[in-house]
C-alpha atoms as a PDB file:
ATOM      1  CA  UNK A   1      14.519 -91.029 -44.714  1.00  0.00           C
ATOM      2  CA  UNK A   2      17.287 -90.679 -42.082  1.00  0.00           C
ATOM      3  CA  UNK A   3      16.599 -86.819 -41.927  1.00  0.00           C
ATOM      4  CA  UNK A   4      19.432 -85.900 -39.609  1.00  0.00           C
ATOM      5  CA  UNK A   5      21.996 -86.985 -42.501  1.00  0.00           C
ATOM      6  CA  UNK A   6      19.303 -85.575 -45.656  1.00  0.00           C
ATOM      7  CA  UNK A   7      19.307 -82.133 -44.182  1.00  0.00           C
ATOM      8  CA  UNK A   8      19.051 -79.601 -40.636  1.00  0.00           C
ATOM      9  CA  UNK A   9      16.242 -76.980 -41.527  1.00  0.00           C
ATOM     10  CA  UNK A  10      15.087 -75.199 -38.805  1.00  0.00           C
ATOM     11  CA  UNK A  11      12.423 -72.382 -39.064  1.00  0.00           C
ATOM     12  CA  UNK A  12      12.127 -68.288 -37.465  1.00  0.00           C
ATOM     13  CA  UNK A  13       8.808 -67.265 -36.795  1.00  0.00           C
ATOM     14  CA  UNK A  14       8.593 -63.293 -34.619  1.00  0.00           C
ATOM     15  CA  UNK A  15       6.258 -62.788 -32.587  1.00  0.00           C
ATOM     16  CA  UNK A  16       4.718 -59.818 -30.958  1.00  0.00           C
ATOM     17  CA  UNK A  17       2.395 -59.233 -27.589  1.00  0.00           C
ATOM     18  CA  UNK A  18       0.073 -56.718 -28.581  1.00  0.00           C
ATOM     19  CA  UNK A  19      -1.517 -57.011 -25.863  1.00  0.00           C
ATOM     20  CA  UNK A  20       1.212 -56.104 -23.185  1.00  0.00           C
ATOM     21  CA  UNK A  21       1.007 -53.654 -21.405  1.00  0.00           C
ATOM     22  CA  UNK A  22       4.413 -52.771 -20.391  1.00  0.00           C
ATOM     23  CA  UNK A  23       5.251 -53.228 -24.717  1.00  0.00           C
ATOM     24  CA  UNK A  24       2.893 -50.743 -25.797  1.00  0.00           C
ATOM     25  CA  UNK A  25       4.131 -47.772 -23.118  1.00  0.00           C
ATOM     26  CA  UNK A  26       7.377 -48.756 -23.795  1.00  0.00           C
ATOM     27  CA  UNK A  27       6.458 -48.591 -27.898  1.00  0.00           C
ATOM     28  CA  UNK A  28       4.445 -45.571 -27.389  1.00  0.00           C
ATOM     29  CA  UNK A  29       7.786 -43.669 -25.289  1.00  0.00           C
ATOM     30  CA  UNK A  30       9.457 -43.830 -27.878  1.00  0.00           C
ATOM     31  CA  UNK A  31       7.096 -43.757 -30.694  1.00  0.00           C
ATOM     32  CA  UNK A  32       6.870 -40.117 -28.967  1.00  0.00           C
ATOM     33  CA  UNK A  33      10.052 -39.178 -28.561  1.00  0.00           C
ATOM     34  CA  UNK A  34      10.914 -39.936 -32.592  1.00  0.00           C
ATOM     35  CA  UNK A  35       7.450 -38.183 -33.643  1.00  0.00           C
ATOM     36  CA  UNK A  36       6.169 -36.016 -31.363  1.00  0.00           C
ATOM     37  CA  UNK A  37       2.520 -35.144 -33.134  1.00  0.00           C
ATOM     38  CA  UNK A  38       2.658 -39.359 -33.367  1.00  0.00           C
ATOM     39  CA  UNK A  39      -0.829 -40.930 -32.533  1.00  0.00           C
ATOM     40  CA  UNK A  40      -0.046 -43.615 -29.917  1.00  0.00           C
ATOM     41  CA  UNK A  41       0.598 -47.207 -31.141  1.00  0.00           C
ATOM     42  CA  UNK A  42      -1.725 -48.354 -33.946  1.00  0.00           C
ATOM     43  CA  UNK A  43      -3.534 -51.304 -32.461  1.00  0.00           C
ATOM     44  CA  UNK A  44      -4.840 -52.866 -35.507  1.00  0.00           C
ATOM     45  CA  UNK A  45      -1.094 -53.619 -36.584  1.00  0.00           C
ATOM     46  CA  UNK A  46      -0.360 -55.167 -33.351  1.00  0.00           C
ATOM     47  CA  UNK A  47      -3.955 -57.413 -32.591  1.00  0.00           C
ATOM     48  CA  UNK A  48      -3.769 -60.831 -31.921  1.00  0.00           C
ATOM     49  CA  UNK A  49      -5.777 -62.836 -34.500  1.00  0.00           C
ATOM     50  CA  UNK A  50      -5.183 -65.907 -31.812  1.00  0.00           C
ATOM     51  CA  UNK A  51      -4.537 -68.588 -34.918  1.00  0.00           C
ATOM     52  CA  UNK A  52      -0.824 -68.708 -33.592  1.00  0.00           C
ATOM     53  CA  UNK A  53      -1.011 -72.056 -32.050  1.00  0.00           C
ATOM     54  CA  UNK A  54      -2.617 -73.269 -35.270  1.00  0.00           C
ATOM     55  CA  UNK A  55       0.773 -72.647 -36.677  1.00  0.00           C
ATOM     56  CA  UNK A  56       2.985 -75.014 -34.899  1.00  0.00           C
ATOM     57  CA  UNK A  57      -0.346 -77.323 -35.150  1.00  0.00           C
ATOM     58  CA  UNK A  58       0.771 -77.557 -38.536  1.00  0.00           C
ATOM     59  CA  UNK A  59       3.911 -77.966 -38.136  1.00  0.00           C
ATOM     60  CA  UNK A  60       3.376 -80.742 -36.248  1.00  0.00           C
ATOM     61  CA  UNK A  61       1.136 -82.206 -37.781  1.00  0.00           C
ATOM     62  CA  UNK A  62       3.299 -81.416 -41.786  1.00  0.00           C
ATOM     63  CA  UNK A  63       6.977 -80.570 -40.945  1.00  0.00           C
ATOM     64  CA  UNK A  64       7.826 -83.647 -38.243  1.00  0.00           C
ATOM     65  CA  UNK A  65      11.091 -83.182 -39.915  1.00  0.00           C
ATOM     66  CA  UNK A  66      12.026 -79.114 -39.074  1.00  0.00           C
ATOM     67  CA  UNK A  67      15.223 -79.088 -36.577  1.00  0.00           C
ATOM     68  CA  UNK A  68      14.165 -76.383 -34.076  1.00  0.00           C
ATOM     69  CA  UNK A  69      11.562 -73.666 -34.481  1.00  0.00           C
ATOM     70  CA  UNK A  70      12.912 -70.151 -33.160  1.00  0.00           C
ATOM     71  CA  UNK A  71      10.571 -68.053 -32.211  1.00  0.00           C
ATOM     72  CA  UNK A  72      11.943 -64.438 -31.367  1.00  0.00           C
ATOM     73  CA  UNK A  73      10.347 -61.429 -29.276  1.00  0.00           C
ATOM     74  CA  UNK A  74      11.501 -58.768 -26.902  1.00  0.00           C
ATOM     75  CA  UNK A  75      11.191 -60.978 -24.422  1.00  0.00           C
ATOM     76  CA  UNK A  76       7.467 -62.101 -23.878  1.00  0.00           C
ATOM     77  CA  UNK A  77       6.250 -65.189 -24.949  1.00  0.00           C
ATOM     78  CA  UNK A  78       2.399 -67.388 -25.360  1.00  0.00           C
ATOM     79  CA  UNK A  79       1.029 -68.115 -22.415  1.00  0.00           C
ATOM     80  CA  UNK A  80       0.494 -71.741 -24.177  1.00  0.00           C
ATOM     81  CA  UNK A  81       3.904 -72.316 -25.455  1.00  0.00           C
ATOM     82  CA  UNK A  82       5.436 -75.115 -24.342  1.00  0.00           C
ATOM     83  CA  UNK A  83       8.903 -73.449 -23.928  1.00  0.00           C
ATOM     84  CA  UNK A  84      10.007 -76.985 -22.935  1.00  0.00           C
ATOM     85  CA  UNK A  85       9.608 -78.627 -25.933  1.00  0.00           C
ATOM     86  CA  UNK A  86      13.091 -79.535 -27.287  1.00  0.00           C
ATOM     87  CA  UNK A  87      12.706 -77.961 -30.880  1.00  0.00           C
ATOM     88  CA  UNK A  88      11.776 -74.294 -28.776  1.00  0.00           C
ATOM     89  CA  UNK A  89      14.472 -72.401 -29.172  1.00  0.00           C
ATOM     90  CA  UNK A  90      13.186 -68.830 -27.673  1.00  0.00           C
ATOM     91  CA  UNK A  91      15.062 -65.891 -28.510  1.00  0.00           C
ATOM     92  CA  UNK A  92      14.811 -62.564 -27.606  1.00  0.00           C
ATOM     93  CA  UNK A  93      16.046 -59.800 -29.256  1.00  0.00           C
ATOM     94  CA  UNK A  94      19.086 -58.849 -27.607  1.00  0.00           C
ATOM     95  CA  UNK A  95      20.069 -62.106 -27.917  1.00  0.00           C
ATOM     96  CA  UNK A  96      21.158 -61.520 -31.387  1.00  0.00           C
ATOM     97  CA  UNK A  97      20.793 -57.889 -32.061  1.00  0.00           C
ATOM     98  CA  UNK A  98      23.845 -55.829 -31.484  1.00  0.00           C
ATOM     99  CA  UNK A  99      22.858 -53.542 -28.247  1.00  0.00           C
ATOM    100  CA  UNK A 100      22.985 -49.777 -30.766  1.00  0.00           C
ATOM    101  CA  UNK A 101      19.712 -51.161 -32.620  1.00  0.00           C
ATOM    102  CA  UNK A 102      18.060 -51.884 -29.610  1.00  0.00           C
ATOM    103  CA  UNK A 103      15.230 -51.590 -28.718  1.00  0.00           C
ATOM    104  CA  UNK A 104      13.106 -51.800 -32.168  1.00  0.00           C
ATOM    105  CA  UNK A 105       9.574 -52.420 -32.987  1.00  0.00           C
ATOM    106  CA  UNK A 106      10.610 -52.239 -36.784  1.00  0.00           C
ATOM    107  CA  UNK A 107      10.183 -56.421 -38.258  1.00  0.00           C
ATOM    108  CA  UNK A 108      12.428 -55.238 -41.166  1.00  0.00           C
ATOM    109  CA  UNK A 109      15.058 -54.080 -38.420  1.00  0.00           C
ATOM    110  CA  UNK A 110      14.550 -57.224 -36.814  1.00  0.00           C
ATOM    111  CA  UNK A 111      14.250 -59.875 -40.054  1.00  0.00           C
ATOM    112  CA  UNK A 112      17.844 -58.326 -40.882  1.00  0.00           C
ATOM    113  CA  UNK A 113      20.020 -60.021 -38.161  1.00  0.00           C
ATOM    114  CA  UNK A 114      18.072 -63.173 -38.215  1.00  0.00           C
ATOM    115  CA  UNK A 115      21.141 -65.112 -38.842  1.00  0.00           C
ATOM    116  CA  UNK A 116      22.689 -64.028 -35.801  1.00  0.00           C
ATOM    117  CA  UNK A 117      19.994 -66.139 -33.771  1.00  0.00           C
ATOM    118  CA  UNK A 118      22.408 -68.728 -31.777  1.00  0.00           C
ATOM    119  CA  UNK A 119      22.006 -72.760 -32.711  1.00  0.00           C
ATOM    120  CA  UNK A 120      20.786 -71.252 -35.943  1.00  0.00           C
ATOM    121  CA  UNK A 121      21.160 -73.783 -38.725  1.00  0.00           C
ATOM    122  CA  UNK A 122      22.802 -72.788 -41.681  1.00  0.00           C
ATOM    123  CA  UNK A 123      19.593 -73.344 -43.879  1.00  0.00           C
ATOM    124  CA  UNK A 124      16.415 -72.059 -42.165  1.00  0.00           C
ATOM    125  CA  UNK A 125      12.651 -71.514 -43.506  1.00  0.00           C
ATOM    126  CA  UNK A 126      11.334 -67.514 -42.514  1.00  0.00           C
ATOM    127  CA  UNK A 127       7.282 -67.207 -41.038  1.00  0.00           C
ATOM    128  CA  UNK A 128       5.665 -64.796 -40.402  1.00  0.00           C
ATOM    129  CA  UNK A 129       2.786 -65.379 -37.456  1.00  0.00           C
ATOM    130  CA  UNK A 130       0.009 -65.532 -39.863  1.00  0.00           C
ATOM    131  CA  UNK A 131       0.480 -68.735 -41.433  1.00  0.00           C
ATOM    132  CA  UNK A 132      -0.711 -71.886 -41.691  1.00  0.00           C
ATOM    133  CA  UNK A 133       1.049 -74.915 -43.519  1.00  0.00           C
ATOM    134  CA  UNK A 134      -1.993 -76.318 -44.739  1.00  0.00           C
ATOM    135  CA  UNK A 135      -0.595 -80.291 -46.617  1.00  0.00           C
ATOM    136  CA  UNK A 136       2.051 -81.907 -45.829  1.00  0.00           C
ATOM    137  CA  UNK A 137       5.931 -80.788 -46.815  1.00  0.00           C
ATOM    138  CA  UNK A 138       8.092 -83.046 -47.697  1.00  0.00           C
ATOM    139  CA  UNK A 139      11.611 -82.896 -46.374  1.00  0.00           C
ATOM    140  CA  UNK A 140      12.798 -80.837 -49.758  1.00  0.00           C
ATOM    141  CA  UNK A 141      10.478 -78.449 -49.615  1.00  0.00           C
ATOM    142  CA  UNK A 142      11.999 -75.609 -49.127  1.00  0.00           C
ATOM    143  CA  UNK A 143      15.674 -76.768 -50.116  1.00  0.00           C
ATOM    144  CA  UNK A 144      17.227 -79.084 -53.396  1.00  0.00           C
ATOM    145  CA  UNK A 145      21.086 -79.346 -53.863  1.00  0.00           C
ATOM    146  CA  UNK A 146      21.424 -77.455 -50.835  1.00  0.00           C
ATOM    147  CA  UNK A 147      20.673 -74.058 -52.236  1.00  0.00           C
ATOM    148  CA  UNK A 148      17.278 -72.394 -51.088  1.00  0.00           C
ATOM    149  CA  UNK A 149      13.807 -73.783 -53.783  1.00  0.00           C
ATOM    150  CA  UNK A 150      12.370 -70.384 -55.648  1.00  0.00           C
ATOM    151  CA  UNK A 151      11.618 -69.202 -58.727  1.00  0.00           C
ATOM    152  CA  UNK A 152      12.819 -65.851 -60.694  1.00  0.00           C
ATOM    153  CA  UNK A 153      10.059 -63.569 -61.851  1.00  0.00           C
ATOM    154  CA  UNK A 154       9.579 -60.484 -63.366  1.00  0.00           C
ATOM    155  CA  UNK A 155       6.795 -58.727 -62.052  1.00  0.00           C
ATOM    156  CA  UNK A 156       7.142 -54.450 -61.439  1.00  0.00           C
ATOM    157  CA  UNK A 157       6.431 -52.812 -58.702  1.00  0.00           C
ATOM    158  CA  UNK A 158       3.431 -50.716 -59.212  1.00  0.00           C
ATOM    159  CA  UNK A 159       1.592 -49.159 -56.007  1.00  0.00           C
ATOM    160  CA  UNK A 160      -1.838 -48.044 -56.075  1.00  0.00           C
ATOM    161  CA  UNK A 161      -3.034 -49.290 -52.439  1.00  0.00           C
ATOM    162  CA  UNK A 162      -1.709 -46.129 -50.104  1.00  0.00           C
ATOM    163  CA  UNK A 163      -3.025 -48.228 -47.006  1.00  0.00           C
ATOM    164  CA  UNK A 164      -0.608 -50.473 -47.744  1.00  0.00           C
ATOM    165  CA  UNK A 165       2.340 -47.858 -48.068  1.00  0.00           C
ATOM    166  CA  UNK A 166       5.358 -47.685 -46.810  1.00  0.00           C
ATOM    167  CA  UNK A 167       5.834 -51.961 -48.138  1.00  0.00           C
ATOM    168  CA  UNK A 168       5.743 -50.808 -51.103  1.00  0.00           C
ATOM    169  CA  UNK A 169       8.359 -47.737 -51.474  1.00  0.00           C
ATOM    170  CA  UNK A 170      10.569 -50.310 -49.424  1.00  0.00           C
ATOM    171  CA  UNK A 171      10.310 -52.821 -51.710  1.00  0.00           C
ATOM    172  CA  UNK A 172      11.145 -50.389 -54.284  1.00  0.00           C
ATOM    173  CA  UNK A 173      14.396 -49.500 -52.508  1.00  0.00           C
ATOM    174  CA  UNK A 174      15.383 -52.860 -52.274  1.00  0.00           C
ATOM    175  CA  UNK A 175      15.175 -52.904 -55.853  1.00  0.00           C
ATOM    176  CA  UNK A 176      17.177 -50.220 -56.442  1.00  0.00           C
ATOM    177  CA  UNK A 177      19.887 -51.410 -53.741  1.00  0.00           C
ATOM    178  CA  UNK A 178      19.821 -54.844 -56.204  1.00  0.00           C
ATOM    179  CA  UNK A 179      19.825 -52.997 -59.717  1.00  0.00           C
ATOM    180  CA  UNK A 180      22.982 -50.864 -58.104  1.00  0.00           C
ATOM    181  CA  UNK A 181      25.156 -54.312 -58.313  1.00  0.00           C
ATOM    182  CA  UNK A 182      23.237 -57.074 -60.631  1.00  0.00           C
ATOM    183  CA  UNK A 183      21.642 -56.952 -64.618  1.00  0.00           C
ATOM    184  CA  UNK A 184      18.353 -58.755 -65.536  1.00  0.00           C
ATOM    185  CA  UNK A 185      20.978 -59.682 -69.239  1.00  0.00           C
ATOM    186  CA  UNK A 186      24.298 -60.470 -66.661  1.00  0.00           C
ATOM    187  CA  UNK A 187      21.653 -62.833 -64.986  1.00  0.00           C
ATOM    188  CA  UNK A 188      20.300 -64.089 -68.110  1.00  0.00           C
ATOM    189  CA  UNK A 189      23.615 -64.646 -69.377  1.00  0.00           C
ATOM    190  CA  UNK A 190      25.020 -67.290 -66.403  1.00  0.00           C
ATOM    191  CA  UNK A 191      21.598 -68.330 -65.379  1.00  0.00           C
ATOM    192  CA  UNK A 192      19.650 -69.118 -68.414  1.00  0.00           C
ATOM    193  CA  UNK A 193      18.406 -72.230 -67.556  1.00  0.00           C
ATOM    194  CA  UNK A 194      16.492 -70.049 -63.727  1.00  0.00           C
ATOM    195  CA  UNK A 195      15.730 -67.579 -66.121  1.00  0.00           C
ATOM    196  CA  UNK A 196      13.774 -68.843 -68.238  1.00  0.00           C
ATOM    197  CA  UNK A 197      12.559 -72.447 -67.001  1.00  0.00           C
ATOM    198  CA  UNK A 198       9.349 -74.718 -67.939  1.00  0.00           C
ATOM    199  CA  UNK A 199       8.254 -74.720 -64.701  1.00  0.00           C
ATOM    200  CA  UNK A 200       7.729 -71.310 -64.159  1.00  0.00           C
ATOM    201  CA  UNK A 201       4.947 -71.454 -66.998  1.00  0.00           C
ATOM    202  CA  UNK A 202       4.184 -69.357 -70.644  1.00  0.00           C
ATOM    203  CA  UNK A 203       2.852 -66.378 -68.250  1.00  0.00           C
ATOM    204  CA  UNK A 204       6.006 -65.542 -66.402  1.00  0.00           C
ATOM    205  CA  UNK A 205       8.255 -66.765 -68.761  1.00  0.00           C
ATOM    206  CA  UNK A 206       6.603 -63.546 -70.881  1.00  0.00           C
ATOM    207  CA  UNK A 207       7.302 -61.248 -68.764  1.00  0.00           C
ATOM    208  CA  UNK A 208      10.894 -62.859 -67.790  1.00  0.00           C
ATOM    209  CA  UNK A 209      11.180 -62.234 -71.872  1.00  0.00           C
ATOM    210  CA  UNK A 210      10.239 -58.276 -71.663  1.00  0.00           C
ATOM    211  CA  UNK A 211      12.365 -57.669 -68.237  1.00  0.00           C
ATOM    212  CA  UNK A 212      15.552 -57.928 -70.552  1.00  0.00           C
ATOM    213  CA  UNK A 213      14.126 -55.301 -72.399  1.00  0.00           C
ATOM    214  CA  UNK A 214      15.366 -52.610 -69.391  1.00  0.00           C
ATOM    215  CA  UNK A 215      18.827 -52.369 -68.165  1.00  0.00           C
ATOM    216  CA  UNK A 216      17.551 -53.002 -64.618  1.00  0.00           C
ATOM    217  CA  UNK A 217      15.002 -55.219 -62.705  1.00  0.00           C
ATOM    218  CA  UNK A 218      11.575 -53.486 -63.265  1.00  0.00           C
ATOM    219  CA  UNK A 219      10.757 -55.610 -59.971  1.00  0.00           C
ATOM    220  CA  UNK A 220      10.445 -59.496 -58.218  1.00  0.00           C
ATOM    221  CA  UNK A 221       7.106 -61.671 -58.273  1.00  0.00           C
ATOM    222  CA  UNK A 222       6.306 -61.166 -54.351  1.00  0.00           C
ATOM    223  CA  UNK A 223       5.197 -64.871 -52.369  1.00  0.00           C
ATOM    224  CA  UNK A 224       4.960 -63.286 -49.077  1.00  0.00           C
ATOM    225  CA  UNK A 225       4.884 -66.835 -48.051  1.00  0.00           C
ATOM    226  CA  UNK A 226       7.633 -69.217 -45.780  1.00  0.00           C
ATOM    227  CA  UNK A 227      11.124 -67.748 -46.737  1.00  0.00           C
ATOM    228  CA  UNK A 228      13.736 -70.597 -47.155  1.00  0.00           C
ATOM    229  CA  UNK A 229      17.409 -68.961 -46.489  1.00  0.00           C
ATOM    230  CA  UNK A 230      21.042 -69.868 -46.557  1.00  0.00           C
ATOM    231  CA  UNK A 231      22.331 -68.106 -43.276  1.00  0.00           C
ATOM    232  CA  UNK A 232      25.524 -67.586 -45.533  1.00  0.00           C
ATOM    233  CA  UNK A 233      23.148 -65.384 -47.732  1.00  0.00           C
ATOM    234  CA  UNK A 234      22.361 -62.688 -44.913  1.00  0.00           C
ATOM    235  CA  UNK A 235      26.215 -62.313 -44.427  1.00  0.00           C
ATOM    236  CA  UNK A 236      27.142 -61.333 -48.325  1.00  0.00           C
ATOM    237  CA  UNK A 237      24.660 -59.407 -48.236  1.00  0.00           C
ATOM    238  CA  UNK A 238      26.236 -57.421 -45.495  1.00  0.00           C
ATOM    239  CA  UNK A 239      28.991 -57.376 -46.922  1.00  0.00           C
ATOM    240  CA  UNK A 240      28.098 -56.109 -49.962  1.00  0.00           C
ATOM    241  CA  UNK A 241      25.158 -53.676 -48.532  1.00  0.00           C
ATOM    242  CA  UNK A 242      26.794 -52.436 -44.982  1.00  0.00           C
ATOM    243  CA  UNK A 243      26.480 -48.999 -44.681  1.00  0.00           C
ATOM    244  CA  UNK A 244      22.636 -49.214 -46.402  1.00  0.00           C
ATOM    245  CA  UNK A 245      21.458 -52.326 -43.562  1.00  0.00           C
ATOM    246  CA  UNK A 246      23.405 -50.615 -41.067  1.00  0.00           C
ATOM    247  CA  UNK A 247      21.128 -46.857 -41.572  1.00  0.00           C
ATOM    248  CA  UNK A 248      18.381 -49.402 -42.417  1.00  0.00           C
ATOM    249  CA  UNK A 249      18.072 -51.322 -39.172  1.00  0.00           C
ATOM    250  CA  UNK A 250      18.280 -47.643 -36.690  1.00  0.00           C
ATOM    251  CA  UNK A 251      15.260 -47.054 -37.562  1.00  0.00           C
ATOM    252  CA  UNK A 252      12.845 -47.598 -34.622  1.00  0.00           C
ATOM    253  CA  UNK A 253       9.577 -47.699 -36.164  1.00  0.00           C
ATOM    254  CA  UNK A 254       9.200 -48.969 -40.009  1.00  0.00           C
ATOM    255  CA  UNK A 255       9.814 -46.044 -42.504  1.00  0.00           C
ATOM    256  CA  UNK A 256       9.310 -45.942 -46.091  1.00  0.00           C
ATOM    257  CA  UNK A 257      12.992 -46.185 -46.936  1.00  0.00           C
ATOM    258  CA  UNK A 258      13.599 -49.083 -45.082  1.00  0.00           C
ATOM    259  CA  UNK A 259      15.095 -52.357 -46.433  1.00  0.00           C
ATOM    260  CA  UNK A 260      13.656 -55.418 -45.957  1.00  0.00           C
ATOM    261  CA  UNK A 261      14.329 -59.232 -45.963  1.00  0.00           C
ATOM    262  CA  UNK A 262      13.403 -59.019 -49.813  1.00  0.00           C
ATOM    263  CA  UNK A 263      17.173 -57.981 -49.813  1.00  0.00           C
ATOM    264  CA  UNK A 264      18.256 -61.345 -48.866  1.00  0.00           C
ATOM    265  CA  UNK A 265      15.667 -62.993 -51.201  1.00  0.00           C
ATOM    266  CA  UNK A 266      16.362 -60.771 -54.224  1.00  0.00           C
ATOM    267  CA  UNK A 267      20.513 -61.148 -54.337  1.00  0.00           C
ATOM    268  CA  UNK A 268      19.509 -65.550 -53.207  1.00  0.00           C
ATOM    269  CA  UNK A 269      17.552 -64.837 -57.400  1.00  0.00           C
ATOM    270  CA  UNK A 270      19.874 -62.449 -58.836  1.00  0.00           C
ATOM    271  CA  UNK A 271      22.818 -64.702 -57.812  1.00  0.00           C
ATOM    272  CA  UNK A 272      21.698 -67.867 -58.990  1.00  0.00           C
ATOM    273  CA  UNK A 273      21.293 -69.315 -55.917  1.00  0.00           C
ATOM    274  CA  UNK A 274      18.382 -71.098 -55.836  1.00  0.00           C
ATOM    275  CA  UNK A 275      17.184 -74.189 -56.773  1.00  0.00           C
ATOM    276  CA  UNK A 276      13.929 -73.912 -59.657  1.00  0.00           C
ATOM    277  CA  UNK A 277      10.668 -75.508 -58.594  1.00  0.00           C
ATOM    278  CA  UNK A 278       6.883 -73.753 -59.726  1.00  0.00           C
ATOM    279  CA  UNK A 279       5.701 -71.439 -58.039  1.00  0.00           C
ATOM    280  CA  UNK A 280       1.909 -72.790 -58.522  1.00  0.00           C
ATOM    281  CA  UNK A 281       0.265 -73.784 -55.509  1.00  0.00           C
ATOM    282  CA  UNK A 282       2.925 -73.374 -53.001  1.00  0.00           C
ATOM    283  CA  UNK A 283       1.666 -70.805 -51.794  1.00  0.00           C
ATOM    284  CA  UNK A 284      -2.218 -68.025 -50.994  1.00  0.00           C
ATOM    285  CA  UNK A 285      -2.033 -64.799 -49.148  1.00  0.00           C
ATOM    286  CA  UNK A 286      -4.677 -63.331 -48.064  1.00  0.00           C
ATOM    287  CA  UNK A 287      -6.045 -59.197 -46.606  1.00  0.00           C
ATOM    288  CA  UNK A 288      -8.922 -60.986 -44.687  1.00  0.00           C
ATOM    289  CA  UNK A 289     -11.609 -58.920 -45.193  1.00  0.00           C
ATOM    290  CA  UNK A 290     -15.395 -59.755 -45.222  1.00  0.00           C
ATOM    291  CA  UNK A 291     -15.306 -59.464 -49.359  1.00  0.00           C
ATOM    292  CA  UNK A 292     -12.846 -62.702 -48.910  1.00  0.00           C
ATOM    293  CA  UNK A 293     -13.829 -64.659 -46.431  1.00  0.00           C
ATOM    294  CA  UNK A 294     -15.390 -67.093 -48.237  1.00  0.00           C
ATOM    295  CA  UNK A 295     -12.566 -67.723 -50.772  1.00  0.00           C
ATOM    296  CA  UNK A 296     -10.273 -67.930 -47.039  1.00  0.00           C
ATOM    297  CA  UNK A 297     -12.260 -70.646 -45.887  1.00  0.00           C
ATOM    298  CA  UNK A 298     -12.643 -72.690 -48.936  1.00  0.00           C
ATOM    299  CA  UNK A 299      -8.621 -72.559 -48.971  1.00  0.00           C
ATOM    300  CA  UNK A 300      -8.201 -73.857 -45.774  1.00  0.00           C
ATOM    301  CA  UNK A 301     -11.130 -76.788 -45.770  1.00  0.00           C
ATOM    302  CA  UNK A 302      -8.780 -78.894 -48.599  1.00  0.00           C
ATOM    303  CA  UNK A 303      -5.128 -79.313 -47.830  1.00  0.00           C
ATOM    304  CA  UNK A 304      -4.450 -77.710 -51.939  1.00  0.00           C
ATOM    305  CA  UNK A 305      -2.293 -74.376 -51.587  1.00  0.00           C
ATOM    306  CA  UNK A 306       0.811 -75.485 -49.500  1.00  0.00           C
ATOM    307  CA  UNK A 307       1.440 -72.710 -47.226  1.00  0.00           C
ATOM    308  CA  UNK A 308      -1.322 -69.618 -46.482  1.00  0.00           C
ATOM    309  CA  UNK A 309      -0.505 -66.339 -44.788  1.00  0.00           C
ATOM    310  CA  UNK A 310      -3.726 -64.961 -42.995  1.00  0.00           C
ATOM    311  CA  UNK A 311      -2.941 -61.414 -43.214  1.00  0.00           C
ATOM    312  CA  UNK A 312      -5.033 -58.298 -41.025  1.00  0.00           C
ATOM    313  CA  UNK A 313      -5.169 -55.397 -41.466  1.00  0.00           C
ATOM    314  CA  UNK A 314      -6.553 -51.797 -40.568  1.00  0.00           C
ATOM    315  CA  UNK A 315      -9.088 -52.655 -44.068  1.00  0.00           C
ATOM    316  CA  UNK A 316     -10.235 -55.440 -41.845  1.00  0.00           C
ATOM    317  CA  UNK A 317     -14.101 -54.396 -41.006  1.00  0.00           C
ATOM    318  CA  UNK A 318     -16.127 -57.068 -37.906  1.00  0.00           C
ATOM    319  CA  UNK A 319     -12.744 -58.881 -36.844  1.00  0.00           C
ATOM    320  CA  UNK A 320     -13.776 -60.734 -33.882  1.00  0.00           C
ATOM    321  CA  UNK A 321     -16.931 -62.281 -36.620  1.00  0.00           C
ATOM    322  CA  UNK A 322     -14.257 -62.624 -39.014  1.00  0.00           C
ATOM    323  CA  UNK A 323     -11.850 -64.343 -36.525  1.00  0.00           C
ATOM    324  CA  UNK A 324     -14.232 -66.808 -35.223  1.00  0.00           C
ATOM    325  CA  UNK A 325     -15.010 -68.266 -38.765  1.00  0.00           C
ATOM    326  CA  UNK A 326     -11.156 -68.307 -39.480  1.00  0.00           C
ATOM    327  CA  UNK A 327     -10.385 -70.522 -36.183  1.00  0.00           C
ATOM    328  CA  UNK A 328     -13.680 -72.331 -36.582  1.00  0.00           C
ATOM    329  CA  UNK A 329     -11.947 -73.868 -40.049  1.00  0.00           C
ATOM    330  CA  UNK A 330      -8.689 -74.126 -38.238  1.00  0.00           C
ATOM    331  CA  UNK A 331      -9.851 -75.726 -35.581  1.00  0.00           C
ATOM    332  CA  UNK A 332     -11.791 -78.552 -37.911  1.00  0.00           C
ATOM    333  CA  UNK A 333      -8.287 -78.673 -39.797  1.00  0.00           C
ATOM    334  CA  UNK A 334      -6.432 -78.977 -36.414  1.00  0.00           C
ATOM    335  CA  UNK A 335      -8.292 -79.893 -33.792  1.00  0.00           C
ATOM    336  CA  UNK A 336      -5.217 -81.329 -31.071  1.00  0.00           C
ATOM    337  CA  UNK A 337      -3.256 -79.452 -29.301  1.00  0.00           C
ATOM    338  CA  UNK A 338       0.513 -79.790 -30.624  1.00  0.00           C
ATOM    339  CA  UNK A 339       3.427 -80.645 -28.444  1.00  0.00           C
ATOM    340  CA  UNK A 340       4.535 -77.199 -28.545  1.00  0.00           C
ATOM    341  CA  UNK A 341       1.304 -76.762 -26.887  1.00  0.00           C
ATOM    342  CA  UNK A 342       0.911 -76.533 -22.511  1.00  0.00           C
END
């Protein structure tokens, strides 16, 4: 296959060095200006699991066809990263985010401007730094017929875990914005074979059927995985929701009222701008804890699930013990340095 002719696909990944004292001081300074009574930085949120290099090893092993990998930071980079690699593009926030929004410590704000990254291809996949590609992925895994691969699943946005706030609130804000312009019945009428599809399975199709009883979308099935996008989608969404995005992007810190990258994904879905795939075994998401460590290690031990997200949280006790186990299995799976590493 001549990959360049078939399609050119870039990867984008955001990273922050939570141990960079100058960054911590800047964060705390702006935090106190905005919230005088707020405590200093939550180190649990920004601590380094030391697994980022394994993502690059998985890139090289399982997606050799990637065109460019854009590593986005405020200006600091992992000391192990081979910045001279021809596929690596080091990108600072100031390279693509308008000056009025900087500095920012809010990942949702950064996500809104991804399409402005210099030299970014029309087709790109957005990764978090805590993800791993777990098996060989064909070049059409993320895009087919020039559209992002995805699935449509109605799922109510119901949150009972207060520790995950404001994430659930942001999803609600995004869904409300989508409902202001789109409806499930119109989507079903225009894209019946994407609203219902045998690739979804019986459970998702039944949920989608029930979704038609409501005037609006009650919510969408979340992936929390690598997400394929078109640059043109971002431009369309900014045209549709300019005022809302502008206000949200001004937030230097994550707020319940913020919008997130899911606005762009949902927009692709409700416009039928996606190629239908089955969600089965495409992704797995873990809030790592002692309780699920065995499941995490088991999942990482075999090439079954395509992409795995290993999410850290303040709930994670015995951080060093658990991360050492995860790094142990990652080192078995990816024992050799990639060319992306020094």
